[in-house]
Amino acid sequence: MSIIKIATFNVNSVKSRLPILDLWLSGENAPDILCLQETKCRDEEFPAAFFEEKGYICAFRGMKSYNGVAMISRRKADEISFGLCDDGEEGREESEGARVLMARLGSLTLLNTYIPQGKEINHPDYSYKLRFFSRLRALLEKKVSPEDELLWVGDLNVAPTDIDVTNPKNKKEHVCFHEDVKAALAGVMEWGLIDIFREQRPGEGEFTFWDYRIKNALERNIGWRIDHILGTRSAASRCRAVRVERELRAMERPSDHTAVVVDYEL
């Protein structure tokens, strides 16, 4: 058995974040597998050579200016698929392919998602977000079993409990904290998933996103936990530690999110 580092990071434009990624991936804490969200670039513009020079293999699906998922791994995946593997919703097929990546690496299945944000409670994108969670459960039911080793990582755009957001009383109608969206996430987790982050880090003040629009949000720790590491019980039993790489958010020209890393016994 060996321990590998698996990370999730909404980079909010992979090309804009290359200086930060260069420092991180060149250091001793570099992950072995890095799942990216919101890469915001077309496939032909993805900086694959940058990662390959550091010894990684890249799998990605993107779009111009928004969405985009990628898996950067030191090990070649046995299988990779994109999208929800259903008929899709009309007009959203391209974006759905750039929001969901599923990969199998030996006994481990890794699901990397960038869930729609939803805009406003009364916006059509919010009801689409709720449907997206239902379709994700259908994907799990189709592709894997609750007895399998599965990690689900990514920006899920949901803070599931009061301790996952600063000032929860002021967020009740927010598309990332409304009771409906929390129930939608719970509906997927009922399939057989555990909040591995919370198993490892149960305390308050554990956030992964600090809004650019709030002055000194990181220093004041005014944030959200919307980037997640979830998994089946068999996968959770192999997780040895989880950490939030806050220093990435403190660097020059950062993403509004930071990376979350799990030490996984493979």
C-alpha atoms as a PDB file:
ATOM      1  CA  MET A   1       0.000   0.000   0.000  1.00  0.00           C
ATOM      2  CA  SER A   2       1.149   3.546  -0.739  1.00  0.00           C
ATOM      3  CA  ILE A   3      -0.270   6.967   0.092  1.00  0.00           C
ATOM      4  CA  ILE A   4      -1.109   9.277  -2.782  1.00  0.00           C
ATOM      5  CA  LYS A   5      -2.363  12.850  -2.635  1.00  0.00           C
ATOM      6  CA  ILE A   6      -5.636  13.534  -4.468  1.00  0.00           C
ATOM      7  CA  ALA A   7      -6.662  17.183  -4.796  1.00  0.00           C
ATOM      8  CA  THR A   8      -9.647  19.163  -6.023  1.00  0.00           C
ATOM      9  CA  PHE A   9      -9.273  22.792  -7.086  1.00  0.00           C
ATOM     10  CA  ASN A  10     -11.644  25.217  -8.790  1.00  0.00           C
ATOM     11  CA  VAL A  11      -9.005  27.324 -10.523  1.00  0.00           C
ATOM     12  CA  ASN A  12     -11.402  29.872 -12.068  1.00  0.00           C
ATOM     13  CA  SER A  13      -9.336  29.851 -15.308  1.00  0.00           C
ATOM     14  CA  VAL A  14      -6.488  27.370 -15.528  1.00  0.00           C
ATOM     15  CA  LYS A  15      -4.343  29.631 -17.724  1.00  0.00           C
ATOM     16  CA  SER A  16      -4.654  32.510 -15.250  1.00  0.00           C
ATOM     17  CA  ARG A  17      -3.583  30.229 -12.411  1.00  0.00           C
ATOM     18  CA  LEU A  18      -0.426  28.792 -14.011  1.00  0.00           C
ATOM     19  CA  PRO A  19       1.991  30.794 -11.792  1.00  0.00           C
ATOM     20  CA  ILE A  20       0.283  29.425  -8.668  1.00  0.00           C
ATOM     21  CA  LEU A  21       0.105  25.911 -10.079  1.00  0.00           C
ATOM     22  CA  ASP A  22       3.776  26.102 -11.060  1.00  0.00           C
ATOM     23  CA  LEU A  23       4.829  26.829  -7.492  1.00  0.00           C
ATOM     24  CA  TRP A  24       2.501  24.256  -5.952  1.00  0.00           C
ATOM     25  CA  LEU A  25       3.204  21.415  -8.362  1.00  0.00           C
ATOM     26  CA  SER A  26       6.959  21.977  -8.096  1.00  0.00           C
ATOM     27  CA  GLY A  27       6.950  21.589  -4.305  1.00  0.00           C
ATOM     28  CA  GLU A  28       6.951  18.657  -1.924  1.00  0.00           C
ATOM     29  CA  ASN A  29       3.190  18.924  -1.353  1.00  0.00           C
ATOM     30  CA  ALA A  30       2.326  18.503  -5.029  1.00  0.00           C
ATOM     31  CA  PRO A  31      -0.646  16.172  -5.512  1.00  0.00           C
ATOM     32  CA  ASP A  32      -0.399  12.920  -7.442  1.00  0.00           C
ATOM     33  CA  ILE A  33      -3.874  13.473  -8.891  1.00  0.00           C
ATOM     34  CA  LEU A  34      -5.333  16.949  -9.353  1.00  0.00           C
ATOM     35  CA  CYS A  35      -8.981  17.428 -10.302  1.00  0.00           C
ATOM     36  CA  LEU A  36      -9.652  20.887 -11.720  1.00  0.00           C
ATOM     37  CA  GLN A  37     -12.919  22.724 -12.249  1.00  0.00           C
ATOM     38  CA  GLU A  38     -13.836  25.908 -14.091  1.00  0.00           C
ATOM     39  CA  THR A  39     -10.821  25.686 -16.373  1.00  0.00           C
ATOM     40  CA  LYS A  40     -12.456  28.190 -18.763  1.00  0.00           C
ATOM     41  CA  CYS A  41     -10.645  27.239 -21.958  1.00  0.00           C
ATOM     42  CA  ARG A  42     -11.312  25.264 -25.099  1.00  0.00           C
ATOM     43  CA  ASP A  43      -9.576  21.896 -25.404  1.00  0.00           C
ATOM     44  CA  GLU A  44      -7.142  23.143 -28.048  1.00  0.00           C
ATOM     45  CA  GLU A  45      -6.015  25.882 -25.632  1.00  0.00           C
ATOM     46  CA  PHE A  46      -5.619  23.712 -22.536  1.00  0.00           C
ATOM     47  CA  PRO A  47      -2.021  24.012 -21.228  1.00  0.00           C
ATOM     48  CA  ALA A  48      -1.340  20.271 -21.364  1.00  0.00           C
ATOM     49  CA  ALA A  49       2.382  20.772 -22.064  1.00  0.00           C
ATOM     50  CA  PHE A  50       2.762  22.686 -18.786  1.00  0.00           C
ATOM     51  CA  PHE A  51       1.501  19.705 -16.797  1.00  0.00           C
ATOM     52  CA  GLU A  52       3.241  17.092 -18.924  1.00  0.00           C
ATOM     53  CA  GLU A  53       6.601  18.761 -18.271  1.00  0.00           C
ATOM     54  CA  LYS A  54       5.953  18.134 -14.570  1.00  0.00           C
ATOM     55  CA  GLY A  55       5.275  14.449 -15.150  1.00  0.00           C
ATOM     56  CA  TYR A  56       1.476  14.477 -15.342  1.00  0.00           C
ATOM     57  CA  ILE A  57      -0.977  12.979 -17.811  1.00  0.00           C
ATOM     58  CA  CYS A  58      -3.930  15.213 -18.682  1.00  0.00           C
ATOM     59  CA  ALA A  59      -7.577  14.485 -19.414  1.00  0.00           C
ATOM     60  CA  PHE A  60      -9.842  17.479 -19.964  1.00  0.00           C
ATOM     61  CA  ARG A  61     -12.989  18.829 -21.509  1.00  0.00           C
ATOM     62  CA  GLY A  62     -13.563  22.564 -21.716  1.00  0.00           C
ATOM     63  CA  MET A  63     -15.338  25.518 -23.254  1.00  0.00           C
ATOM     64  CA  LYS A  64     -14.413  29.095 -23.988  1.00  0.00           C
ATOM     65  CA  SER A  65     -14.730  31.454 -20.998  1.00  0.00           C
ATOM     66  CA  TYR A  66     -16.608  29.182 -18.589  1.00  0.00           C
ATOM     67  CA  ASN A  67     -17.031  25.624 -17.226  1.00  0.00           C
ATOM     68  CA  GLY A  68     -14.342  22.998 -17.869  1.00  0.00           C
ATOM     69  CA  VAL A  69     -13.104  19.981 -15.898  1.00  0.00           C
ATOM     70  CA  ALA A  70      -9.752  18.202 -15.976  1.00  0.00           C
ATOM     71  CA  MET A  71      -7.849  15.424 -14.256  1.00  0.00           C
ATOM     72  CA  ILE A  72      -4.085  15.820 -14.010  1.00  0.00           C
ATOM     73  CA  SER A  73      -2.537  12.537 -12.887  1.00  0.00           C
ATOM     74  CA  ARG A  74       0.863  10.921 -12.538  1.00  0.00           C
ATOM     75  CA  ARG A  75      -0.829   7.645 -13.510  1.00  0.00           C
ATOM     76  CA  LYS A  76      -2.748   6.939 -16.698  1.00  0.00           C
ATOM     77  CA  ALA A  77      -6.416   6.225 -16.067  1.00  0.00           C
ATOM     78  CA  ASP A  78      -7.850   2.880 -17.145  1.00  0.00           C
ATOM     79  CA  GLU A  79     -11.110   4.515 -18.273  1.00  0.00           C
ATOM     80  CA  ILE A  80     -12.340   8.109 -18.662  1.00  0.00           C
ATOM     81  CA  SER A  81     -15.753   9.489 -19.571  1.00  0.00           C
ATOM     82  CA  PHE A  82     -17.270  12.966 -19.674  1.00  0.00           C
ATOM     83  CA  GLY A  83     -20.800  14.153 -19.029  1.00  0.00           C
ATOM     84  CA  LEU A  84     -23.743  12.528 -17.287  1.00  0.00           C
ATOM     85  CA  CYS A  85     -24.047   9.602 -19.712  1.00  0.00           C
ATOM     86  CA  ASP A  86     -27.729  10.224 -20.362  1.00  0.00           C
ATOM     87  CA  ASP A  87     -29.658  11.927 -23.150  1.00  0.00           C
ATOM     88  CA  GLY A  88     -28.726  15.370 -21.816  1.00  0.00           C
ATOM     89  CA  GLU A  89     -30.851  18.486 -21.678  1.00  0.00           C
ATOM     90  CA  GLU A  90     -31.409  20.242 -24.981  1.00  0.00           C
ATOM     91  CA  GLY A  91     -28.965  23.076 -25.567  1.00  0.00           C
ATOM     92  CA  ARG A  92     -26.777  22.105 -22.607  1.00  0.00           C
ATOM     93  CA  GLU A  93     -24.944  19.085 -24.017  1.00  0.00           C
ATOM     94  CA  GLU A  94     -21.605  20.869 -24.465  1.00  0.00           C
ATOM     95  CA  SER A  95     -21.635  22.410 -21.004  1.00  0.00           C
ATOM     96  CA  GLU A  96     -22.578  19.109 -19.347  1.00  0.00           C
ATOM     97  CA  GLY A  97     -19.598  17.407 -20.955  1.00  0.00           C
ATOM     98  CA  ALA A  98     -17.423  20.157 -19.472  1.00  0.00           C
ATOM     99  CA  ARG A  99     -18.861  19.694 -15.969  1.00  0.00           C
ATOM    100  CA  VAL A 100     -18.463  15.968 -15.247  1.00  0.00           C
ATOM    101  CA  LEU A 101     -15.401  13.723 -15.541  1.00  0.00           C
ATOM    102  CA  MET A 102     -15.379  10.121 -14.316  1.00  0.00           C
ATOM    103  CA  ALA A 103     -12.165   8.090 -14.295  1.00  0.00           C
ATOM    104  CA  ARG A 104     -11.167   4.637 -13.127  1.00  0.00           C
ATOM    105  CA  LEU A 105      -7.654   4.083 -11.786  1.00  0.00           C
ATOM    106  CA  GLY A 106      -7.399   0.466 -10.757  1.00  0.00           C
ATOM    107  CA  SER A 107      -9.923  -0.186  -7.995  1.00  0.00           C
ATOM    108  CA  LEU A 108     -10.606   3.538  -7.475  1.00  0.00           C
ATOM    109  CA  THR A 109     -13.301   5.433  -9.373  1.00  0.00           C
ATOM    110  CA  LEU A 110     -12.875   9.201  -9.281  1.00  0.00           C
ATOM    111  CA  LEU A 111     -15.804  11.519 -10.066  1.00  0.00           C
ATOM    112  CA  ASN A 112     -14.882  15.158 -10.654  1.00  0.00           C
ATOM    113  CA  THR A 113     -17.758  17.615 -11.016  1.00  0.00           C
ATOM    114  CA  TYR A 114     -18.408  21.304 -11.417  1.00  0.00           C
ATOM    115  CA  ILE A 115     -22.056  21.678 -10.412  1.00  0.00           C
ATOM    116  CA  PRO A 116     -24.040  24.610 -11.866  1.00  0.00           C
ATOM    117  CA  GLN A 117     -24.167  27.559  -9.489  1.00  0.00           C
ATOM    118  CA  GLY A 118     -27.819  28.338 -10.146  1.00  0.00           C
ATOM    119  CA  LYS A 119     -27.769  32.157 -10.287  1.00  0.00           C
ATOM    120  CA  GLU A 120     -31.021  32.940  -8.372  1.00  0.00           C
ATOM    121  CA  ILE A 121     -33.750  30.878  -6.711  1.00  0.00           C
ATOM    122  CA  ASN A 122     -36.293  31.913  -9.370  1.00  0.00           C
ATOM    123  CA  HIS A 123     -33.889  31.494 -12.295  1.00  0.00           C
ATOM    124  CA  PRO A 124     -34.245  28.485 -14.639  1.00  0.00           C
ATOM    125  CA  ASP A 125     -30.621  27.598 -13.890  1.00  0.00           C
ATOM    126  CA  TYR A 126     -31.547  26.866 -10.276  1.00  0.00           C
ATOM    127  CA  SER A 127     -34.145  24.244 -11.182  1.00  0.00           C
ATOM    128  CA  TYR A 128     -31.589  22.882 -13.665  1.00  0.00           C
ATOM    129  CA  LYS A 129     -29.098  22.631 -10.798  1.00  0.00           C
ATOM    130  CA  LEU A 130     -31.546  20.540  -8.781  1.00  0.00           C
ATOM    131  CA  ARG A 131     -32.132  18.244 -11.762  1.00  0.00           C
ATOM    132  CA  PHE A 132     -28.373  17.976 -12.243  1.00  0.00           C
ATOM    133  CA  PHE A 133     -28.036  16.354  -8.812  1.00  0.00           C
ATOM    134  CA  SER A 134     -30.779  13.838  -9.616  1.00  0.00           C
ATOM    135  CA  ARG A 135     -29.013  12.961 -12.850  1.00  0.00           C
ATOM    136  CA  LEU A 136     -25.722  12.541 -10.994  1.00  0.00           C
ATOM    137  CA  ARG A 137     -27.363   9.954  -8.754  1.00  0.00           C
ATOM    138  CA  ALA A 138     -28.593   8.158 -11.872  1.00  0.00           C
ATOM    139  CA  LEU A 139     -25.015   8.225 -13.205  1.00  0.00           C
ATOM    140  CA  LEU A 140     -23.738   6.598 -10.012  1.00  0.00           C
ATOM    141  CA  GLU A 141     -26.454   3.972 -10.123  1.00  0.00           C
ATOM    142  CA  LYS A 142     -25.536   3.186 -13.717  1.00  0.00           C
ATOM    143  CA  LYS A 143     -21.749   3.126 -13.426  1.00  0.00           C
ATOM    144  CA  VAL A 144     -20.750   2.059  -9.899  1.00  0.00           C
ATOM    145  CA  SER A 145     -21.954   0.393  -6.712  1.00  0.00           C
ATOM    146  CA  PRO A 146     -21.996   1.752  -3.133  1.00  0.00           C
ATOM    147  CA  GLU A 147     -19.639  -1.125  -2.318  1.00  0.00           C
ATOM    148  CA  ASP A 148     -17.022   0.166  -4.765  1.00  0.00           C
ATOM    149  CA  GLU A 149     -14.160   2.531  -4.001  1.00  0.00           C
ATOM    150  CA  LEU A 150     -15.493   5.881  -5.230  1.00  0.00           C
ATOM    151  CA  LEU A 151     -14.339   9.408  -4.468  1.00  0.00           C
ATOM    152  CA  TRP A 152     -16.555  12.296  -5.581  1.00  0.00           C
ATOM    153  CA  VAL A 153     -14.659  15.581  -5.586  1.00  0.00           C
ATOM    154  CA  GLY A 154     -15.161  19.044  -6.977  1.00  0.00           C
ATOM    155  CA  ASP A 155     -16.983  22.330  -6.669  1.00  0.00           C
ATOM    156  CA  LEU A 156     -20.509  21.217  -5.791  1.00  0.00           C
ATOM    157  CA  ASN A 157     -21.808  24.748  -5.162  1.00  0.00           C
ATOM    158  CA  VAL A 158     -23.536  23.610  -1.957  1.00  0.00           C
ATOM    159  CA  ALA A 159     -22.676  24.364   1.654  1.00  0.00           C
ATOM    160  CA  PRO A 160     -24.549  21.494   3.326  1.00  0.00           C
ATOM    161  CA  THR A 161     -24.654  22.631   6.984  1.00  0.00           C
ATOM    162  CA  ASP A 162     -24.595  25.844   9.020  1.00  0.00           C
ATOM    163  CA  ILE A 163     -20.912  25.467   9.897  1.00  0.00           C
ATOM    164  CA  ASP A 164     -20.057  25.370   6.190  1.00  0.00           C
ATOM    165  CA  VAL A 165     -20.721  29.086   5.690  1.00  0.00           C
ATOM    166  CA  THR A 166     -20.149  32.323   7.588  1.00  0.00           C
ATOM    167  CA  ASN A 167     -23.389  33.920   8.857  1.00  0.00           C
ATOM    168  CA  PRO A 168     -25.751  31.113   7.794  1.00  0.00           C
ATOM    169  CA  LYS A 169     -28.860  33.021   8.883  1.00  0.00           C
ATOM    170  CA  ASN A 170     -28.215  35.518   6.081  1.00  0.00           C
ATOM    171  CA  LYS A 171     -27.845  32.807   3.413  1.00  0.00           C
ATOM    172  CA  LYS A 172     -31.161  30.936   3.613  1.00  0.00           C
ATOM    173  CA  GLU A 173     -32.281  32.058   0.141  1.00  0.00           C
ATOM    174  CA  HIS A 174     -28.889  31.646  -1.517  1.00  0.00           C
ATOM    175  CA  VAL A 175     -28.708  29.137  -4.370  1.00  0.00           C
ATOM    176  CA  CYS A 176     -25.801  27.386  -2.642  1.00  0.00           C
ATOM    177  CA  PHE A 177     -27.486  27.160   0.767  1.00  0.00           C
ATOM    178  CA  HIS A 178     -31.232  26.929   0.193  1.00  0.00           C
ATOM    179  CA  GLU A 179     -32.951  23.919   1.782  1.00  0.00           C
ATOM    180  CA  ASP A 180     -33.876  22.574  -1.667  1.00  0.00           C
ATOM    181  CA  VAL A 181     -30.301  22.400  -2.889  1.00  0.00           C
ATOM    182  CA  LYS A 182     -29.087  20.884   0.378  1.00  0.00           C
ATOM    183  CA  ALA A 183     -31.794  18.244  -0.001  1.00  0.00           C
ATOM    184  CA  ALA A 184     -30.712  17.638  -3.604  1.00  0.00           C
ATOM    185  CA  LEU A 185     -27.146  16.928  -2.485  1.00  0.00           C
ATOM    186  CA  ALA A 186     -28.421  14.733   0.346  1.00  0.00           C
ATOM    187  CA  GLY A 187     -30.435  12.785  -2.196  1.00  0.00           C
ATOM    188  CA  VAL A 188     -27.240  11.839  -4.022  1.00  0.00           C
ATOM    189  CA  MET A 189     -25.400  11.020  -0.818  1.00  0.00           C
ATOM    190  CA  GLU A 190     -28.180   8.668   0.271  1.00  0.00           C
ATOM    191  CA  TRP A 191     -27.028   6.385  -2.535  1.00  0.00           C
ATOM    192  CA  GLY A 192     -24.115   5.498  -0.244  1.00  0.00           C
ATOM    193  CA  LEU A 193     -21.732   8.433   0.219  1.00  0.00           C
ATOM    194  CA  ILE A 194     -19.940   9.904   3.229  1.00  0.00           C
ATOM    195  CA  ASP A 195     -18.654  13.441   3.765  1.00  0.00           C
ATOM    196  CA  ILE A 196     -14.979  12.498   4.074  1.00  0.00           C
ATOM    197  CA  PHE A 197     -13.895  16.097   4.610  1.00  0.00           C
ATOM    198  CA  ARG A 198     -16.098  16.328   7.712  1.00  0.00           C
ATOM    199  CA  GLU A 199     -15.002  12.932   8.986  1.00  0.00           C
ATOM    200  CA  GLN A 200     -11.433  14.219   8.978  1.00  0.00           C
ATOM    201  CA  ARG A 201     -12.051  17.902   9.799  1.00  0.00           C
ATOM    202  CA  PRO A 202     -15.209  18.313  11.930  1.00  0.00           C
ATOM    203  CA  GLY A 203     -14.478  21.791  13.305  1.00  0.00           C
ATOM    204  CA  GLU A 204     -15.873  25.205  12.447  1.00  0.00           C
ATOM    205  CA  GLY A 205     -14.213  27.763  10.171  1.00  0.00           C
ATOM    206  CA  GLU A 206     -13.230  25.164   7.552  1.00  0.00           C
ATOM    207  CA  PHE A 207     -13.866  26.946   4.258  1.00  0.00           C
ATOM    208  CA  THR A 208     -12.689  26.495   0.659  1.00  0.00           C
ATOM    209  CA  PHE A 209     -14.080  29.610  -1.060  1.00  0.00           C
ATOM    210  CA  TRP A 210     -13.665  33.269  -0.108  1.00  0.00           C
ATOM    211  CA  ASP A 211     -15.546  35.765  -2.282  1.00  0.00           C
ATOM    212  CA  TYR A 212     -13.414  38.302  -4.176  1.00  0.00           C
ATOM    213  CA  ARG A 213     -16.074  40.940  -3.502  1.00  0.00           C
ATOM    214  CA  ILE A 214     -15.664  40.812   0.285  1.00  0.00           C
ATOM    215  CA  LYS A 215     -12.698  42.846   1.492  1.00  0.00           C
ATOM    216  CA  ASN A 216     -10.040  40.714   3.198  1.00  0.00           C
ATOM    217  CA  ALA A 217     -12.364  37.709   3.129  1.00  0.00           C
ATOM    218  CA  LEU A 218      -9.514  35.222   3.570  1.00  0.00           C
ATOM    219  CA  GLU A 219      -7.882  37.114   6.438  1.00  0.00           C
ATOM    220  CA  ARG A 220     -11.269  37.507   8.151  1.00  0.00           C
ATOM    221  CA  ASN A 221     -12.199  33.928   7.209  1.00  0.00           C
ATOM    222  CA  ILE A 222     -15.545  34.917   5.713  1.00  0.00           C
ATOM    223  CA  GLY A 223     -16.144  31.969   3.461  1.00  0.00           C
ATOM    224  CA  TRP A 224     -17.981  28.897   2.258  1.00  0.00           C
ATOM    225  CA  ARG A 225     -17.202  25.177   2.115  1.00  0.00           C
ATOM    226  CA  ILE A 226     -18.490  24.317  -1.342  1.00  0.00           C
ATOM    227  CA  ASP A 227     -15.512  22.252  -2.586  1.00  0.00           C
ATOM    228  CA  HIS A 228     -15.951  18.713  -1.376  1.00  0.00           C
ATOM    229  CA  ILE A 229     -14.399  15.295  -0.922  1.00  0.00           C
ATOM    230  CA  LEU A 230     -17.121  12.669  -0.611  1.00  0.00           C
ATOM    231  CA  GLY A 231     -16.898   8.938  -1.018  1.00  0.00           C
ATOM    232  CA  THR A 232     -18.206   5.473  -0.387  1.00  0.00           C
ATOM    233  CA  ARG A 233     -17.424   3.775   2.902  1.00  0.00           C
ATOM    234  CA  SER A 234     -14.708   1.627   1.308  1.00  0.00           C
ATOM    235  CA  ALA A 235     -13.037   4.749  -0.097  1.00  0.00           C
ATOM    236  CA  ALA A 236     -13.441   6.665   3.172  1.00  0.00           C
ATOM    237  CA  SER A 237     -11.655   3.853   5.009  1.00  0.00           C
ATOM    238  CA  ARG A 238      -8.585   4.545   2.875  1.00  0.00           C
ATOM    239  CA  CYS A 239      -8.484   8.291   3.581  1.00  0.00           C
ATOM    240  CA  ARG A 240      -5.817   9.196   6.102  1.00  0.00           C
ATOM    241  CA  ALA A 241      -6.026  13.018   6.216  1.00  0.00           C
ATOM    242  CA  VAL A 242      -7.678  15.987   4.548  1.00  0.00           C
ATOM    243  CA  ARG A 243      -6.245  19.496   4.372  1.00  0.00           C
ATOM    244  CA  VAL A 244      -7.177  22.843   2.875  1.00  0.00           C
ATOM    245  CA  GLU A 245      -4.335  24.591   1.023  1.00  0.00           C
ATOM    246  CA  ARG A 246      -5.212  28.088   2.224  1.00  0.00           C
ATOM    247  CA  GLU A 247      -1.874  29.515   1.120  1.00  0.00           C
ATOM    248  CA  LEU A 248      -2.887  29.126  -2.538  1.00  0.00           C
ATOM    249  CA  ARG A 249      -5.745  31.575  -1.943  1.00  0.00           C
ATOM    250  CA  ALA A 250      -3.282  34.039  -0.379  1.00  0.00           C
ATOM    251  CA  MET A 251      -0.964  34.153  -3.400  1.00  0.00           C
ATOM    252  CA  GLU A 252      -0.917  36.867  -6.026  1.00  0.00           C
ATOM    253  CA  ARG A 253      -3.846  36.688  -8.496  1.00  0.00           C
ATOM    254  CA  PRO A 254      -5.489  33.683  -6.840  1.00  0.00           C
ATOM    255  CA  SER A 255      -8.667  31.818  -7.603  1.00  0.00           C
ATOM    256  CA  ASP A 256     -11.537  32.636  -5.242  1.00  0.00           C
ATOM    257  CA  HIS A 257     -11.398  28.941  -4.256  1.00  0.00           C
ATOM    258  CA  THR A 258      -8.467  26.973  -2.935  1.00  0.00           C
ATOM    259  CA  ALA A 259      -7.439  23.340  -3.212  1.00  0.00           C
ATOM    260  CA  VAL A 260      -8.548  20.560  -0.889  1.00  0.00           C
ATOM    261  CA  VAL A 261      -6.269  17.507  -0.629  1.00  0.00           C
ATOM    262  CA  VAL A 262      -6.875  14.005   0.694  1.00  0.00           C
ATOM    263  CA  ASP A 263      -4.152  11.494   1.537  1.00  0.00           C
ATOM    264  CA  TYR A 264      -5.441   8.264   0.053  1.00  0.00           C
ATOM    265  CA  GLU A 265      -4.108   4.757   0.630  1.00  0.00           C
ATOM    266  CA  LEU A 266      -4.002   3.132  -2.781  1.00  0.00           C
END
